[in-house]
Structures are given as structure tokens and as C-alpha cells.
PDB file of all heavy atoms in Angstrom:
ATOM      1  N   CYS A   1      60.512 -42.983  28.627  1.00  0.00           N
ATOM      2  CA  CYS A   1      60.275 -43.719  27.394  1.00  0.00           C
ATOM      3  C   CYS A   1      58.794 -44.101  27.372  1.00  0.00           C
ATOM      4  O   CYS A   1      58.291 -44.705  28.325  1.00  0.00           O
ATOM      5  CB  CYS A   1      61.145 -44.970  27.370  1.00  0.00           C
ATOM      6  SG  CYS A   1      60.875 -45.992  25.923  1.00  0.00           S
ATOM      7  N   THR A   2      58.107 -43.735  26.312  1.00  0.00           N
ATOM      8  CA  THR A   2      56.670 -44.021  26.223  1.00  0.00           C
ATOM      9  C   THR A   2      56.332 -44.888  25.022  1.00  0.00           C
ATOM     10  O   THR A   2      55.155 -45.105  24.738  1.00  0.00           O
ATOM     11  CB  THR A   2      55.873 -42.701  26.135  1.00  0.00           C
ATOM     12  OG1 THR A   2      56.321 -41.957  25.005  1.00  0.00           O
ATOM     13  CG2 THR A   2      56.031 -41.878  27.397  1.00  0.00           C
ATOM     14  N   GLN A   3      57.343 -45.394  24.325  1.00  0.00           N
ATOM     15  CA  GLN A   3      57.079 -46.257  23.179  1.00  0.00           C
ATOM     16  C   GLN A   3      56.552 -47.615  23.646  1.00  0.00           C
ATOM     17  O   GLN A   3      56.538 -47.913  24.828  1.00  0.00           O
ATOM     18  CB  GLN A   3      58.351 -46.446  22.339  1.00  0.00           C
ATOM     19  CG  GLN A   3      58.703 -45.230  21.514  1.00  0.00           C
ATOM     20  CD  GLN A   3      59.969 -44.563  22.005  1.00  0.00           C
ATOM     21  OE1 GLN A   3      60.656 -45.101  22.832  1.00  0.00           O
ATOM     22  NE2 GLN A   3      60.252 -43.390  21.497  1.00  0.00           N
ATOM     23  N   GLY A   4      56.184 -48.429  22.701  1.00  0.00           N
ATOM     24  CA  GLY A   4      55.580 -49.726  23.000  1.00  0.00           C
ATOM     25  C   GLY A   4      56.446 -50.639  23.832  1.00  0.00           C
ATOM     26  O   GLY A   4      55.944 -51.371  24.687  1.00  0.00           O
ATOM     27  N   ASP A   5      57.763 -50.608  23.601  1.00  0.00           N
ATOM     28  CA  ASP A   5      58.625 -51.514  24.371  1.00  0.00           C
ATOM     29  C   ASP A   5      58.676 -51.148  25.850  1.00  0.00           C
ATOM     30  O   ASP A   5      59.067 -51.959  26.680  1.00  0.00           O
ATOM     31  CB  ASP A   5      60.028 -51.569  23.776  1.00  0.00           C
ATOM     32  CG  ASP A   5      60.800 -50.274  23.922  1.00  0.00           C
ATOM     33  OD1 ASP A   5      60.164 -49.205  23.986  1.00  0.00           O
ATOM     34  OD2 ASP A   5      62.045 -50.329  23.964  1.00  0.00           O
ATOM     35  N   ALA A   6      58.251 -49.951  26.198  1.00  0.00           N
ATOM     36  CA  ALA A   6      58.236 -49.543  27.604  1.00  0.00           C
ATOM     37  C   ALA A   6      57.123 -50.236  28.382  1.00  0.00           C
ATOM     38  O   ALA A   6      57.165 -50.304  29.608  1.00  0.00           O
ATOM     39  CB  ALA A   6      58.078 -48.037  27.724  1.00  0.00           C
ATOM     40  N   SER A   7      56.131 -50.759  27.667  1.00  0.00           N
ATOM     41  CA  SER A   7      55.007 -51.396  28.363  1.00  0.00           C
ATOM     42  C   SER A   7      54.976 -52.910  28.180  1.00  0.00           C
ATOM     43  O   SER A   7      54.031 -53.556  28.610  1.00  0.00           O
ATOM     44  CB  SER A   7      53.688 -50.785  27.880  1.00  0.00           C
ATOM     45  OG  SER A   7      53.527 -51.003  26.488  1.00  0.00           O
ATOM     46  N   GLN A   8      56.003 -53.474  27.568  1.00  0.00           N
ATOM     47  CA  GLN A   8      56.022 -54.933  27.412  1.00  0.00           C
ATOM     48  C   GLN A   8      56.236 -55.594  28.761  1.00  0.00           C
ATOM     49  O   GLN A   8      56.905 -55.056  29.628  1.00  0.00           O
ATOM     50  CB  GLN A   8      57.093 -55.348  26.391  1.00  0.00           C
ATOM     51  CG  GLN A   8      58.532 -55.166  26.837  1.00  0.00           C
ATOM     52  CD  GLN A   8      59.090 -56.365  27.591  1.00  0.00           C
ATOM     53  OE1 GLN A   8      58.582 -57.469  27.492  1.00  0.00           O
ATOM     54  NE2 GLN A   8      60.119 -56.132  28.374  1.00  0.00           N
ATOM     55  N   VAL A   9      55.643 -56.765  28.951  1.00  0.00           N
ATOM     56  CA  VAL A   9      55.756 -57.453  30.245  1.00  0.00           C
ATOM     57  C   VAL A   9      56.329 -58.860  30.100  1.00  0.00           C
ATOM     58  O   VAL A   9      56.438 -59.586  31.084  1.00  0.00           O
ATOM     59  CB  VAL A   9      54.389 -57.510  30.966  1.00  0.00           C
ATOM     60  CG1 VAL A   9      53.963 -56.129  31.394  1.00  0.00           C
ATOM     61  CG2 VAL A   9      53.328 -58.161  30.101  1.00  0.00           C
ATOM     62  N   ILE A  10      56.663 -59.242  28.890  1.00  0.00           N
ATOM     63  CA  ILE A  10      57.232 -60.565  28.659  1.00  0.00           C
ATOM     64  C   ILE A  10      58.709 -60.388  28.354  1.00  0.00           C
ATOM     65  O   ILE A  10      59.095 -59.570  27.525  1.00  0.00           O
ATOM     66  CB  ILE A  10      56.523 -61.268  27.474  1.00  0.00           C
ATOM     67  CG1 ILE A  10      55.054 -61.442  27.785  1.00  0.00           C
ATOM     68  CG2 ILE A  10      57.175 -62.607  27.172  1.00  0.00           C
ATOM     69  CD1 ILE A  10      54.223 -61.946  26.643  1.00  0.00           C
ATOM     70  N   GLY A  11      59.514 -61.126  29.061  1.00  0.00           N
ATOM     71  CA  GLY A  11      60.946 -61.038  28.817  1.00  0.00           C
ATOM     72  C   GLY A  11      61.622 -60.073  29.773  1.00  0.00           C
ATOM     73  O   GLY A  11      60.996 -59.470  30.646  1.00  0.00           O
ATOM     74  N   PRO A  12      62.933 -59.919  29.593  1.00  0.00           N
ATOM     75  CA  PRO A  12      63.684 -59.018  30.483  1.00  0.00           C
ATOM     76  C   PRO A  12      63.338 -57.548  30.215  1.00  0.00           C
ATOM     77  O   PRO A  12      62.727 -57.213  29.221  1.00  0.00           O
ATOM     78  CB  PRO A  12      65.139 -59.313  30.128  1.00  0.00           C
ATOM     79  CG  PRO A  12      65.091 -59.880  28.751  1.00  0.00           C
ATOM     80  CD  PRO A  12      63.766 -60.576  28.614  1.00  0.00           C
ATOM     81  N   LEU A  13      63.778 -56.709  31.139  1.00  0.00           N
ATOM     82  CA  LEU A  13      63.539 -55.270  31.000  1.00  0.00           C
ATOM     83  C   LEU A  13      64.174 -54.739  29.724  1.00  0.00           C
ATOM     84  O   LEU A  13      65.291 -55.110  29.374  1.00  0.00           O
ATOM     85  CB  LEU A  13      64.132 -54.506  32.183  1.00  0.00           C
ATOM     86  CG  LEU A  13      63.442 -54.654  33.534  1.00  0.00           C
ATOM     87  CD1 LEU A  13      64.248 -53.925  34.594  1.00  0.00           C
ATOM     88  CD2 LEU A  13      62.043 -54.125  33.488  1.00  0.00           C
ATOM     89  N   THR A  14      63.451 -53.881  29.047  1.00  0.00           N
ATOM     90  CA  THR A  14      64.007 -53.213  27.868  1.00  0.00           C
ATOM     91  C   THR A  14      64.822 -52.013  28.327  1.00  0.00           C
ATOM     92  O   THR A  14      64.749 -51.590  29.493  1.00  0.00           O
ATOM     93  CB  THR A  14      62.894 -52.742  26.925  1.00  0.00           C
ATOM     94  OG1 THR A  14      62.124 -51.736  27.587  1.00  0.00           O
ATOM     95  CG2 THR A  14      61.996 -53.892  26.488  1.00  0.00           C
ATOM     96  N   GLU A  15      65.564 -51.431  27.405  1.00  0.00           N
ATOM     97  CA  GLU A  15      66.354 -50.230  27.732  1.00  0.00           C
ATOM     98  C   GLU A  15      65.444 -49.090  28.178  1.00  0.00           C
ATOM     99  O   GLU A  15      65.757 -48.350  29.113  1.00  0.00           O
ATOM    100  CB  GLU A  15      67.190 -49.817  26.517  1.00  0.00           C
ATOM    101  CG  GLU A  15      68.167 -48.689  26.812  1.00  0.00           C
ATOM    102  CD  GLU A  15      69.147 -49.024  27.925  1.00  0.00           C
ATOM    103  OE1 GLU A  15      69.603 -50.173  28.010  1.00  0.00           O
ATOM    104  OE2 GLU A  15      69.442 -48.112  28.722  1.00  0.00           O
ATOM    105  N   GLY A  16      64.293 -48.932  27.520  1.00  0.00           N
ATOM    106  CA  GLY A  16      63.343 -47.886  27.905  1.00  0.00           C
ATOM    107  C   GLY A  16      62.799 -48.096  29.309  1.00  0.00           C
ATOM    108  O   GLY A  16      62.633 -47.142  30.075  1.00  0.00           O
ATOM    109  N   GLN A  17      62.531 -49.335  29.675  1.00  0.00           N
ATOM    110  CA  GLN A  17      62.041 -49.622  31.019  1.00  0.00           C
ATOM    111  C   GLN A  17      63.119 -49.348  32.062  1.00  0.00           C
ATOM    112  O   GLN A  17      62.832 -48.826  33.139  1.00  0.00           O
ATOM    113  CB  GLN A  17      61.567 -51.075  31.112  1.00  0.00           C
ATOM    114  CG  GLN A  17      60.277 -51.329  30.368  1.00  0.00           C
ATOM    115  CD  GLN A  17      59.921 -52.801  30.297  1.00  0.00           C
ATOM    116  OE1 GLN A  17      60.790 -53.664  30.211  1.00  0.00           O
ATOM    117  NE2 GLN A  17      58.623 -53.076  30.343  1.00  0.00           N
ATOM    118  N   ARG A  18      64.350 -49.694  31.730  1.00  0.00           N
ATOM    119  CA  ARG A  18      65.461 -49.416  32.669  1.00  0.00           C
ATOM    120  C   ARG A  18      65.601 -47.905  32.904  1.00  0.00           C
ATOM    121  O   ARG A  18      65.802 -47.459  34.025  1.00  0.00           O
ATOM    122  CB  ARG A  18      66.767 -49.970  32.116  1.00  0.00           C
ATOM    123  CG  ARG A  18      66.927 -51.436  32.302  1.00  0.00           C
ATOM    124  CD  ARG A  18      68.348 -51.881  31.921  1.00  0.00           C
ATOM    125  NE  ARG A  18      68.484 -53.299  32.097  1.00  0.00           N
ATOM    126  CZ  ARG A  18      68.189 -54.205  31.170  1.00  0.00           C
ATOM    127  NH1 ARG A  18      67.749 -53.816  29.989  1.00  0.00           N
ATOM    128  NH2 ARG A  18      68.341 -55.492  31.415  1.00  0.00           N
ATOM    129  N   ARG A  19      65.497 -47.152  31.820  1.00  0.00           N
ATOM    130  CA  ARG A  19      65.597 -45.695  31.950  1.00  0.00           C
ATOM    131  C   ARG A  19      64.439 -45.156  32.780  1.00  0.00           C
ATOM    132  O   ARG A  19      64.620 -44.303  33.644  1.00  0.00           O
ATOM    133  CB  ARG A  19      65.627 -45.027  30.579  1.00  0.00           C
ATOM    134  CG  ARG A  19      65.896 -43.540  30.676  1.00  0.00           C
ATOM    135  CD  ARG A  19      66.104 -42.883  29.355  1.00  0.00           C
ATOM    136  NE  ARG A  19      65.614 -43.706  28.263  1.00  0.00           N
ATOM    137  CZ  ARG A  19      65.135 -43.243  27.129  1.00  0.00           C
ATOM    138  NH1 ARG A  19      65.112 -41.962  26.915  1.00  0.00           N
ATOM    139  NH2 ARG A  19      64.703 -44.038  26.191  1.00  0.00           N
ATOM    140  N   ASN A  20      63.224 -45.650  32.541  1.00  0.00           N
ATOM    141  CA  ASN A  20      62.060 -45.203  33.316  1.00  0.00           C
ATOM    142  C   ASN A  20      62.236 -45.506  34.796  1.00  0.00           C
ATOM    143  O   ASN A  20      61.893 -44.688  35.650  1.00  0.00           O
ATOM    144  CB  ASN A  20      60.783 -45.837  32.782  1.00  0.00           C
ATOM    145  CG  ASN A  20      60.361 -45.280  31.436  1.00  0.00           C
ATOM    146  OD1 ASN A  20      60.926 -44.306  30.953  1.00  0.00           O
ATOM    147  ND2 ASN A  20      59.373 -45.902  30.824  1.00  0.00           N
ATOM    148  N   VAL A  21      62.773 -46.674  35.109  1.00  0.00           N
ATOM    149  CA  VAL A  21      63.027 -47.031  36.510  1.00  0.00           C
ATOM    150  C   VAL A  21      64.048 -46.070  37.116  1.00  0.00           C
ATOM    151  O   VAL A  21      63.874 -45.585  38.245  1.00  0.00           O
ATOM    152  CB  VAL A  21      63.505 -48.497  36.623  1.00  0.00           C
ATOM    153  CG1 VAL A  21      64.073 -48.793  38.001  1.00  0.00           C
ATOM    154  CG2 VAL A  21      62.364 -49.453  36.299  1.00  0.00           C
ATOM    155  N   ALA A  22      65.099 -45.767  36.374  1.00  0.00           N
ATOM    156  CA  ALA A  22      66.124 -44.841  36.869  1.00  0.00           C
ATOM    157  C   ALA A  22      65.548 -43.445  37.087  1.00  0.00           C
ATOM    158  O   ALA A  22      65.878 -42.777  38.075  1.00  0.00           O
ATOM    159  CB  ALA A  22      67.299 -44.789  35.894  1.00  0.00           C
ATOM    160  N   VAL A  23      64.661 -43.004  36.198  1.00  0.00           N
ATOM    161  CA  VAL A  23      64.032 -41.686  36.348  1.00  0.00           C
ATOM    162  C   VAL A  23      63.160 -41.665  37.611  1.00  0.00           C
ATOM    163  O   VAL A  23      63.225 -40.722  38.410  1.00  0.00           O
ATOM    164  CB  VAL A  23      63.189 -41.327  35.097  1.00  0.00           C
ATOM    165  CG1 VAL A  23      62.309 -40.113  35.359  1.00  0.00           C
ATOM    166  CG2 VAL A  23      64.092 -41.068  33.909  1.00  0.00           C
ATOM    167  N   VAL A  24      62.353 -42.701  37.786  1.00  0.00           N
ATOM    168  CA  VAL A  24      61.485 -42.763  38.971  1.00  0.00           C
ATOM    169  C   VAL A  24      62.325 -42.803  40.244  1.00  0.00           C
ATOM    170  O   VAL A  24      62.007 -42.132  41.232  1.00  0.00           O
ATOM    171  CB  VAL A  24      60.526 -43.970  38.887  1.00  0.00           C
ATOM    172  CG1 VAL A  24      59.813 -44.203  40.205  1.00  0.00           C
ATOM    173  CG2 VAL A  24      59.517 -43.769  37.762  1.00  0.00           C
ATOM    174  N   ASN A  25      63.415 -43.560  40.229  1.00  0.00           N
ATOM    175  CA  ASN A  25      64.282 -43.625  41.405  1.00  0.00           C
ATOM    176  C   ASN A  25      64.911 -42.268  41.724  1.00  0.00           C
ATOM    177  O   ASN A  25      65.026 -41.891  42.887  1.00  0.00           O
ATOM    178  CB  ASN A  25      65.355 -44.684  41.216  1.00  0.00           C
ATOM    179  CG  ASN A  25      64.815 -46.084  41.367  1.00  0.00           C
ATOM    180  OD1 ASN A  25      63.783 -46.311  41.994  1.00  0.00           O
ATOM    181  ND2 ASN A  25      65.501 -47.049  40.772  1.00  0.00           N
ATOM    182  N   SER A  26      65.316 -41.526  40.704  1.00  0.00           N
ATOM    183  CA  SER A  26      65.917 -40.211  40.962  1.00  0.00           C
ATOM    184  C   SER A  26      64.860 -39.243  41.511  1.00  0.00           C
ATOM    185  O   SER A  26      65.153 -38.438  42.398  1.00  0.00           O
ATOM    186  CB  SER A  26      66.599 -39.644  39.725  1.00  0.00           C
ATOM    187  OG  SER A  26      65.670 -39.252  38.749  1.00  0.00           O
ATOM    188  N   LEU A  27      63.642 -39.336  40.993  1.00  0.00           N
ATOM    189  CA  LEU A  27      62.558 -38.502  41.528  1.00  0.00           C
ATOM    190  C   LEU A  27      62.270 -38.857  42.982  1.00  0.00           C
ATOM    191  O   LEU A  27      62.031 -37.974  43.817  1.00  0.00           O
ATOM    192  CB  LEU A  27      61.290 -38.660  40.688  1.00  0.00           C
ATOM    193  CG  LEU A  27      61.315 -37.993  39.324  1.00  0.00           C
ATOM    194  CD1 LEU A  27      60.171 -38.500  38.462  1.00  0.00           C
ATOM    195  CD2 LEU A  27      61.255 -36.491  39.464  1.00  0.00           C
ATOM    196  N   TYR A  28      62.319 -40.137  43.301  1.00  0.00           N
ATOM    197  CA  TYR A  28      62.083 -40.573  44.680  1.00  0.00           C
ATOM    198  C   TYR A  28      63.186 -40.067  45.602  1.00  0.00           C
ATOM    199  O   TYR A  28      62.904 -39.580  46.701  1.00  0.00           O
ATOM    200  CB  TYR A  28      61.992 -42.101  44.744  1.00  0.00           C
ATOM    201  CG  TYR A  28      61.802 -42.619  46.145  1.00  0.00           C
ATOM    202  CD1 TYR A  28      60.576 -42.475  46.797  1.00  0.00           C
ATOM    203  CD2 TYR A  28      62.841 -43.233  46.821  1.00  0.00           C
ATOM    204  CE1 TYR A  28      60.400 -42.936  48.084  1.00  0.00           C
ATOM    205  CE2 TYR A  28      62.670 -43.703  48.113  1.00  0.00           C
ATOM    206  CZ  TYR A  28      61.456 -43.552  48.739  1.00  0.00           C
ATOM    207  OH  TYR A  28      61.285 -44.002  50.019  1.00  0.00           O
ATOM    208  N   ARG A  29      64.443 -40.155  45.146  1.00  0.00           N
ATOM    209  CA  ARG A  29      65.546 -39.661  45.979  1.00  0.00           C
ATOM    210  C   ARG A  29      65.431 -38.157  46.216  1.00  0.00           C
ATOM    211  O   ARG A  29      65.694 -37.666  47.316  1.00  0.00           O
ATOM    212  CB  ARG A  29      66.889 -40.008  45.340  1.00  0.00           C
ATOM    213  CG  ARG A  29      67.250 -41.473  45.469  1.00  0.00           C
ATOM    214  CD  ARG A  29      68.697 -41.764  45.105  1.00  0.00           C
ATOM    215  NE  ARG A  29      69.067 -41.331  43.770  1.00  0.00           N
ATOM    216  CZ  ARG A  29      68.946 -42.061  42.672  1.00  0.00           C
ATOM    217  NH1 ARG A  29      68.448 -43.261  42.739  1.00  0.00           N
ATOM    218  NH2 ARG A  29      69.323 -41.581  41.507  1.00  0.00           N
ATOM    219  N   LEU A  30      65.019 -37.423  45.192  1.00  0.00           N
ATOM    220  CA  LEU A  30      64.820 -35.978  45.366  1.00  0.00           C
ATOM    221  C   LEU A  30      63.691 -35.714  46.352  1.00  0.00           C
ATOM    222  O   LEU A  30      63.814 -34.859  47.230  1.00  0.00           O
ATOM    223  CB  LEU A  30      64.530 -35.301  44.032  1.00  0.00           C
ATOM    224  CG  LEU A  30      64.296 -33.786  44.114  1.00  0.00           C
ATOM    225  CD1 LEU A  30      65.579 -33.069  44.518  1.00  0.00           C
ATOM    226  CD2 LEU A  30      63.777 -33.247  42.802  1.00  0.00           C
ATOM    227  N   GLN A  31      62.608 -36.462  46.227  1.00  0.00           N
ATOM    228  CA  GLN A  31      61.475 -36.291  47.147  1.00  0.00           C
ATOM    229  C   GLN A  31      61.902 -36.576  48.582  1.00  0.00           C
ATOM    230  O   GLN A  31      61.539 -35.833  49.499  1.00  0.00           O
ATOM    231  CB  GLN A  31      60.313 -37.214  46.722  1.00  0.00           C
ATOM    232  CG  GLN A  31      59.052 -37.039  47.533  1.00  0.00           C
ATOM    233  CD  GLN A  31      58.960 -37.998  48.709  1.00  0.00           C
ATOM    234  OE1 GLN A  31      59.496 -39.088  48.702  1.00  0.00           O
ATOM    235  NE2 GLN A  31      58.275 -37.566  49.741  1.00  0.00           N
ATOM    236  N   GLN A  32      62.681 -37.630  48.788  1.00  0.00           N
ATOM    237  CA  GLN A  32      63.157 -37.962  50.132  1.00  0.00           C
ATOM    238  C   GLN A  32      64.029 -36.837  50.693  1.00  0.00           C
ATOM    239  O   GLN A  32      63.908 -36.473  51.860  1.00  0.00           O
ATOM    240  CB  GLN A  32      63.952 -39.269  50.105  1.00  0.00           C
ATOM    241  CG  GLN A  32      63.113 -40.490  49.847  1.00  0.00           C
ATOM    242  CD  GLN A  32      62.142 -40.761  50.963  1.00  0.00           C
ATOM    243  OE1 GLN A  32      60.990 -40.320  50.916  1.00  0.00           O
ATOM    244  NE2 GLN A  32      62.574 -41.457  51.967  1.00  0.00           N
ATOM    245  N   ALA A  33      64.882 -36.276  49.865  1.00  0.00           N
ATOM    246  CA  ALA A  33      65.774 -35.203  50.308  1.00  0.00           C
ATOM    247  C   ALA A  33      64.992 -33.933  50.621  1.00  0.00           C
ATOM    248  O   ALA A  33      65.282 -33.247  51.605  1.00  0.00           O
ATOM    249  CB  ALA A  33      66.829 -34.925  49.246  1.00  0.00           C
ATOM    250  N   VAL A  34      63.999 -33.629  49.809  1.00  0.00           N
ATOM    251  CA  VAL A  34      63.184 -32.427  50.045  1.00  0.00           C
ATOM    252  C   VAL A  34      62.391 -32.594  51.341  1.00  0.00           C
ATOM    253  O   VAL A  34      62.270 -31.654  52.136  1.00  0.00           O
ATOM    254  CB  VAL A  34      62.260 -32.147  48.838  1.00  0.00           C
ATOM    255  CG1 VAL A  34      61.208 -31.103  49.187  1.00  0.00           C
ATOM    256  CG2 VAL A  34      63.080 -31.686  47.648  1.00  0.00           C
ATOM    257  N   THR A  35      61.862 -33.786  51.562  1.00  0.00           N
ATOM    258  CA  THR A  35      61.123 -34.049  52.801  1.00  0.00           C
ATOM    259  C   THR A  35      62.040 -33.916  54.019  1.00  0.00           C
ATOM    260  O   THR A  35      61.631 -33.361  55.038  1.00  0.00           O
ATOM    261  CB  THR A  35      60.514 -35.470  52.766  1.00  0.00           C
ATOM    262  OG1 THR A  35      59.637 -35.555  51.631  1.00  0.00           O
ATOM    263  CG2 THR A  35      59.733 -35.767  54.029  1.00  0.00           C
TER     264      THR A  35
END
């Protein structure tokens, strides 16, 4: 998610931020497995 709500820092996580975190976590798990 690259819209404006993805970069907000006030308040709880937005849906876009949650999705971005999940994407980064899946990439990290893949990297760990490949290593």
C-alpha cells in the first residue's frame, strides 16, 4: 500500500500499514528459509 494512509504516524495502524507489515514479514520468512 503506497497511499497516504500508509505513511500516517498518528493513531493506530491503518489497514494499508497492516498489509505492508504482513508483506515485509512474509518476505523476511522467505529470506530466512532461503538462507
